[in-house]
Amino acid sequence: MPKKEYWDTLWEDFDSQSEGPEASVNEYLTPEIQRAYDHYLPKGDISHLDAGCGLGNWNFLLHRFPGMRRTVGIDISDCLYAVERYRQEKNYRNISFIKGDILNLPFADGSFNFITCLGVIEHFEDPSVPLLKLKSLLKPGGILFLDTPNHGLWELYNRAFPIDEHEDYYSPGELVNFLHKVDMEALESYALGFSNAVMTPLYHMYDYNKNSPISRGYHFLINQLKRGVKLLDPWLDPRHGFYSIVIARKN
């Protein structure tokens, strides 16, 4: 079970380096979420929940999607107080944030037709528990976009740089099995981002600091290297992709 203190420390560190919660766009997941949104959801009146939203990056991105009526972010971290102040300053009316536990959400069953849960279930001993709760919040026909670190290179990376909060890692097929346990239909399952799995340790070896010429130079070189490594993604993603992704539907 995720611990609040872990997330408070993590997001405080991220926030100190960020230019704001709208500045970060994930080059791997963003186009996949956009595609799932366009392909599987009705055209209009979308109600979205990001379960474990962190700094609310996905809410600030998705609130601009066509047909998005409201997007809600929930997280146990105190970072949401600062995120909510930012939202109020921008006067975004179709975004809201709630500080709380995704296993004890203040919503009626069937409140959402789109839920994203990104990098969350690996923090639970039994992923079926949060998945069952998220399923209950979906309307019939609603879509869950689920992402978690894949086995393979990420697991090797964690052996060198342990993340105590991670309970386990799951392949796309293992995620499908968990979803079947809670009686959800897996529409797509795949892995992507081999290059991210390779480059993450290199990025973390020297944290980015925009005020440090050495840091900026190091990250510039790493970004150039990444362009070459990305050419291998189409061949190595199925087994070693950084992200395990499943798009599922509640029947």
Protein backbone atom coordinates (compact mmCIF):
# COMPACT_ATOMS: atom_id res chain seq x y z
CA MET A 1 0.00 0.00 0.00
CA PRO A 2 1.47 3.41 -0.95
CA LYS A 3 2.64 5.54 1.96
CA LYS A 4 1.77 9.23 2.05
CA GLU A 5 5.27 10.23 3.20
CA TYR A 6 6.83 8.66 0.11
CA TRP A 7 4.63 10.65 -2.26
CA ASP A 8 5.02 13.90 -0.31
CA THR A 9 8.80 13.65 -0.71
CA LEU A 10 8.65 12.53 -4.34
CA TRP A 11 6.31 15.23 -5.58
CA GLU A 12 8.00 17.96 -3.55
CA ASP A 13 11.24 17.08 -5.35
CA PHE A 14 9.56 17.02 -8.75
CA ASP A 15 7.73 20.27 -8.08
CA SER A 16 10.95 22.08 -7.18
CA GLN A 17 12.34 21.26 -10.64
CA SER A 18 9.16 21.85 -12.60
CA GLU A 19 7.95 24.91 -14.46
CA GLY A 20 4.42 24.01 -13.43
CA PRO A 21 2.12 21.00 -13.69
CA GLU A 22 1.28 21.79 -17.31
CA ALA A 23 4.91 21.74 -18.45
CA SER A 24 5.38 17.96 -18.40
CA VAL A 25 4.11 15.85 -21.32
CA ASN A 26 5.03 12.16 -21.50
CA GLU A 27 6.21 11.44 -25.05
CA TYR A 28 5.28 7.76 -24.75
CA LEU A 29 1.95 7.78 -22.89
CA THR A 30 0.40 11.02 -24.16
CA PRO A 31 -0.26 9.83 -27.74
CA GLU A 32 -1.53 6.48 -26.42
CA ILE A 33 -4.02 8.11 -24.07
CA GLN A 34 -5.13 10.48 -26.83
CA ARG A 35 -5.67 7.54 -29.20
CA ALA A 36 -7.65 5.55 -26.61
CA TYR A 37 -9.77 8.62 -25.84
CA ASP A 38 -10.56 9.26 -29.49
CA HIS A 39 -11.20 5.62 -30.39
CA TYR A 40 -13.09 4.12 -27.46
CA LEU A 41 -15.06 6.95 -25.87
CA PRO A 42 -18.22 8.75 -27.00
CA LYS A 43 -17.85 12.13 -28.63
CA GLY A 44 -18.70 14.44 -25.78
CA ASP A 45 -19.76 14.65 -22.12
CA ILE A 46 -16.69 12.78 -20.82
CA SER A 47 -16.13 12.54 -17.09
CA HIS A 48 -12.54 11.53 -16.25
CA LEU A 49 -10.72 10.41 -13.12
CA ASP A 50 -6.94 10.17 -12.75
CA ALA A 51 -6.40 7.81 -9.82
CA GLY A 52 -3.09 8.69 -8.21
CA CYS A 53 -2.69 11.98 -10.06
CA GLY A 54 0.47 13.30 -8.39
CA LEU A 55 0.99 16.87 -9.62
CA GLY A 56 -2.15 16.66 -11.77
CA ASN A 57 -0.23 16.70 -15.07
CA TRP A 58 -2.73 14.44 -16.81
CA ASN A 59 -5.71 16.43 -15.57
CA PHE A 60 -4.19 19.64 -16.92
CA LEU A 61 -3.59 17.89 -20.24
CA LEU A 62 -6.91 16.06 -20.58
CA HIS A 63 -9.12 18.99 -19.61
CA ARG A 64 -8.43 20.39 -23.09
CA PHE A 65 -9.52 17.22 -24.91
CA PRO A 66 -12.65 17.74 -27.04
CA GLY A 67 -15.80 16.71 -25.18
CA MET A 68 -14.20 16.67 -21.71
CA ARG A 69 -16.88 17.82 -19.25
CA ARG A 70 -14.83 17.34 -16.09
CA THR A 71 -11.56 15.77 -15.02
CA VAL A 72 -10.85 14.86 -11.40
CA GLY A 73 -7.48 14.05 -9.85
CA ILE A 74 -7.08 12.23 -6.55
CA ASP A 75 -3.86 11.62 -4.63
CA ILE A 76 -2.80 11.05 -1.02
CA SER A 77 0.05 13.57 -1.22
CA ASP A 78 -0.07 17.06 0.27
CA CYS A 79 1.23 18.31 -3.10
CA LEU A 80 -2.41 18.63 -4.15
CA TYR A 81 -2.77 21.78 -2.05
CA ALA A 82 -0.24 23.56 -4.26
CA VAL A 83 -1.75 21.99 -7.39
CA GLU A 84 -5.19 23.25 -6.40
CA ARG A 85 -3.84 26.77 -5.88
CA TYR A 86 -2.36 26.63 -9.36
CA ARG A 87 -5.72 25.49 -10.78
CA GLN A 88 -7.50 28.37 -9.08
CA GLU A 89 -4.97 30.87 -10.40
CA LYS A 90 -5.61 29.58 -13.94
CA ASN A 91 -9.38 29.49 -13.28
CA TYR A 92 -9.78 26.04 -14.87
CA ARG A 93 -13.40 25.23 -14.12
CA ASN A 94 -13.60 21.66 -15.45
CA ILE A 95 -10.71 20.39 -13.28
CA SER A 96 -10.95 19.45 -9.61
CA PHE A 97 -8.60 17.78 -7.15
CA ILE A 98 -9.33 15.70 -4.08
CA LYS A 99 -6.77 14.64 -1.49
CA GLY A 100 -7.52 11.05 -0.57
CA ASP A 101 -7.00 7.32 -0.96
CA ILE A 102 -8.01 5.66 -4.24
CA LEU A 103 -9.48 2.76 -2.22
CA ASN A 104 -11.85 5.13 -0.43
CA LEU A 105 -13.07 7.57 -3.05
CA PRO A 106 -15.98 9.95 -2.41
CA PHE A 107 -17.84 9.08 -5.61
CA ALA A 108 -20.89 7.00 -6.38
CA ASP A 109 -20.54 3.89 -8.50
CA GLY A 110 -20.65 4.66 -12.21
CA SER A 111 -19.44 8.26 -11.84
CA PHE A 112 -16.90 8.22 -14.70
CA ASN A 113 -16.66 6.94 -18.25
CA PHE A 114 -12.86 7.32 -18.46
CA ILE A 115 -10.29 6.47 -15.77
CA THR A 116 -6.51 6.65 -16.03
CA CYS A 117 -4.33 4.90 -13.47
CA LEU A 118 -0.68 5.49 -14.35
CA GLY A 119 2.19 4.08 -12.33
CA VAL A 120 0.02 3.25 -9.32
CA ILE A 121 -0.94 -0.41 -9.00
CA GLU A 122 2.68 -1.57 -8.63
CA HIS A 123 2.50 0.00 -5.16
CA PHE A 124 -0.20 -2.45 -4.03
CA GLU A 125 0.47 -5.97 -2.80
CA ASP A 126 -2.63 -7.19 -4.68
CA PRO A 127 -3.46 -5.06 -7.77
CA SER A 128 -6.91 -6.65 -7.92
CA VAL A 129 -7.94 -4.53 -4.93
CA PRO A 130 -7.55 -1.07 -6.55
CA LEU A 131 -8.72 -2.44 -9.92
CA LEU A 132 -11.98 -3.66 -8.41
CA LYS A 133 -12.57 -0.23 -6.87
CA LEU A 134 -11.82 1.58 -10.14
CA LYS A 135 -14.13 -0.75 -12.03
CA SER A 136 -16.99 0.15 -9.69
CA LEU A 137 -16.51 3.85 -10.50
CA LEU A 138 -16.82 3.29 -14.25
CA LYS A 139 -20.10 3.54 -16.10
CA PRO A 140 -21.06 0.48 -18.18
CA GLY A 141 -18.93 0.69 -21.31
CA GLY A 142 -16.45 2.97 -19.53
CA ILE A 143 -12.75 2.77 -20.34
CA LEU A 144 -9.78 2.20 -18.01
CA PHE A 145 -6.30 3.14 -19.26
CA LEU A 146 -3.85 1.28 -17.05
CA ASP A 147 -0.06 1.65 -17.00
CA THR A 148 2.59 0.10 -14.76
CA PRO A 149 6.35 -0.59 -15.07
CA ASN A 150 7.08 -3.68 -17.14
CA HIS A 151 9.27 -6.60 -16.18
CA GLY A 152 12.64 -6.76 -17.93
CA LEU A 153 15.06 -3.85 -17.91
CA TRP A 154 13.05 -1.86 -15.36
CA GLU A 155 13.22 -4.77 -12.93
CA LEU A 156 17.01 -4.94 -13.41
CA TYR A 157 17.22 -1.19 -12.86
CA ASN A 158 15.31 -1.51 -9.59
CA ARG A 159 17.82 -4.08 -8.35
CA ALA A 160 20.56 -1.49 -8.72
CA PHE A 161 18.45 1.45 -7.48
CA PRO A 162 15.75 -0.10 -5.27
CA ILE A 163 12.38 1.59 -4.93
CA ASP A 164 11.02 0.30 -1.64
CA GLU A 165 7.50 1.44 -2.44
CA HIS A 166 7.22 -0.88 -5.45
CA GLU A 167 5.63 -4.24 -4.65
CA ASP A 168 6.12 -5.85 -8.06
CA TYR A 169 6.25 -5.32 -11.84
CA TYR A 170 3.83 -6.70 -14.41
CA SER A 171 3.93 -7.61 -18.07
CA PRO A 172 0.95 -6.63 -20.25
CA GLY A 173 -0.27 -10.24 -20.09
CA GLU A 174 -0.17 -10.23 -16.30
CA LEU A 175 -2.21 -7.01 -16.24
CA VAL A 176 -4.78 -8.67 -18.49
CA ASN A 177 -5.04 -11.55 -16.00
CA PHE A 178 -5.69 -9.12 -13.14
CA LEU A 179 -8.38 -7.39 -15.17
CA HIS A 180 -10.02 -10.71 -15.98
CA LYS A 181 -10.16 -11.41 -12.24
CA VAL A 182 -12.29 -8.31 -11.76
CA ASP A 183 -14.38 -9.15 -14.84
CA MET A 184 -13.19 -6.41 -17.16
CA GLU A 185 -12.61 -6.81 -20.89
CA ALA A 186 -9.08 -6.09 -22.10
CA LEU A 187 -9.31 -4.31 -25.46
CA GLU A 188 -5.57 -3.82 -25.98
CA SER A 189 -2.43 -4.88 -24.14
CA TYR A 190 1.13 -3.99 -25.12
CA ALA A 191 4.46 -2.62 -23.91
CA LEU A 192 6.37 0.40 -25.21
CA GLY A 193 9.30 2.63 -24.37
CA PHE A 194 12.37 0.38 -24.49
CA SER A 195 14.46 3.52 -24.92
CA ASN A 196 13.00 4.95 -21.71
CA ALA A 197 13.95 1.77 -19.83
CA VAL A 198 17.52 2.13 -21.04
CA MET A 199 17.87 5.85 -20.51
CA THR A 200 16.20 6.25 -17.11
CA PRO A 201 19.28 5.14 -15.10
CA LEU A 202 21.44 7.54 -17.10
CA TYR A 203 19.08 10.44 -16.47
CA HIS A 204 19.03 9.68 -12.76
CA MET A 205 22.83 9.54 -12.52
CA TYR A 206 22.91 13.33 -12.74
CA ASP A 207 19.67 15.07 -11.80
CA TYR A 208 18.67 17.89 -14.09
CA ASN A 209 19.31 21.40 -12.78
CA LYS A 210 18.62 24.16 -15.28
CA ASN A 211 20.90 26.50 -13.30
CA SER A 212 23.92 24.22 -13.65
CA PRO A 213 25.89 24.29 -16.94
CA ILE A 214 27.32 20.84 -16.18
CA SER A 215 23.87 19.39 -15.58
CA ARG A 216 22.46 20.99 -18.73
CA GLY A 217 25.39 19.71 -20.79
CA TYR A 218 25.08 16.19 -19.43
CA HIS A 219 21.35 16.03 -20.17
CA PHE A 220 21.89 17.48 -23.64
CA LEU A 221 24.27 14.62 -24.45
CA ILE A 222 21.89 12.04 -22.98
CA ASN A 223 19.03 13.42 -25.09
CA GLN A 224 21.16 13.03 -28.22
CA LEU A 225 21.99 9.44 -27.29
CA LYS A 226 18.32 8.73 -26.68
CA ARG A 227 17.50 9.57 -30.30
CA GLY A 228 19.63 6.66 -31.43
CA VAL A 229 18.34 4.25 -28.81
CA LYS A 230 14.73 5.04 -29.77
CA LEU A 231 15.36 3.49 -33.18
CA LEU A 232 15.37 0.11 -31.39
CA ASP A 233 11.92 0.61 -29.82
CA PRO A 234 9.86 -1.12 -32.54
CA TRP A 235 11.89 -4.33 -32.19
CA LEU A 236 12.44 -4.44 -28.42
CA ASP A 237 9.28 -2.85 -27.02
CA PRO A 238 7.20 -6.08 -26.89
CA ARG A 239 9.57 -7.67 -24.37
CA HIS A 240 11.52 -4.82 -22.81
CA GLY A 241 9.25 -1.79 -23.14
CA PHE A 242 9.33 0.46 -20.08
CA TYR A 243 5.54 0.67 -19.84
CA SER A 244 3.03 -2.16 -19.61
CA ILE A 245 -0.27 -0.81 -20.89
CA VAL A 246 -3.77 -2.26 -20.97
CA ILE A 247 -6.87 -0.52 -22.26
CA ALA A 248 -9.91 -2.20 -20.72
CA ARG A 249 -13.70 -1.79 -20.77
CA LYS A 250 -16.37 -2.37 -18.16
CA ASN A 251 -19.14 -4.45 -19.69
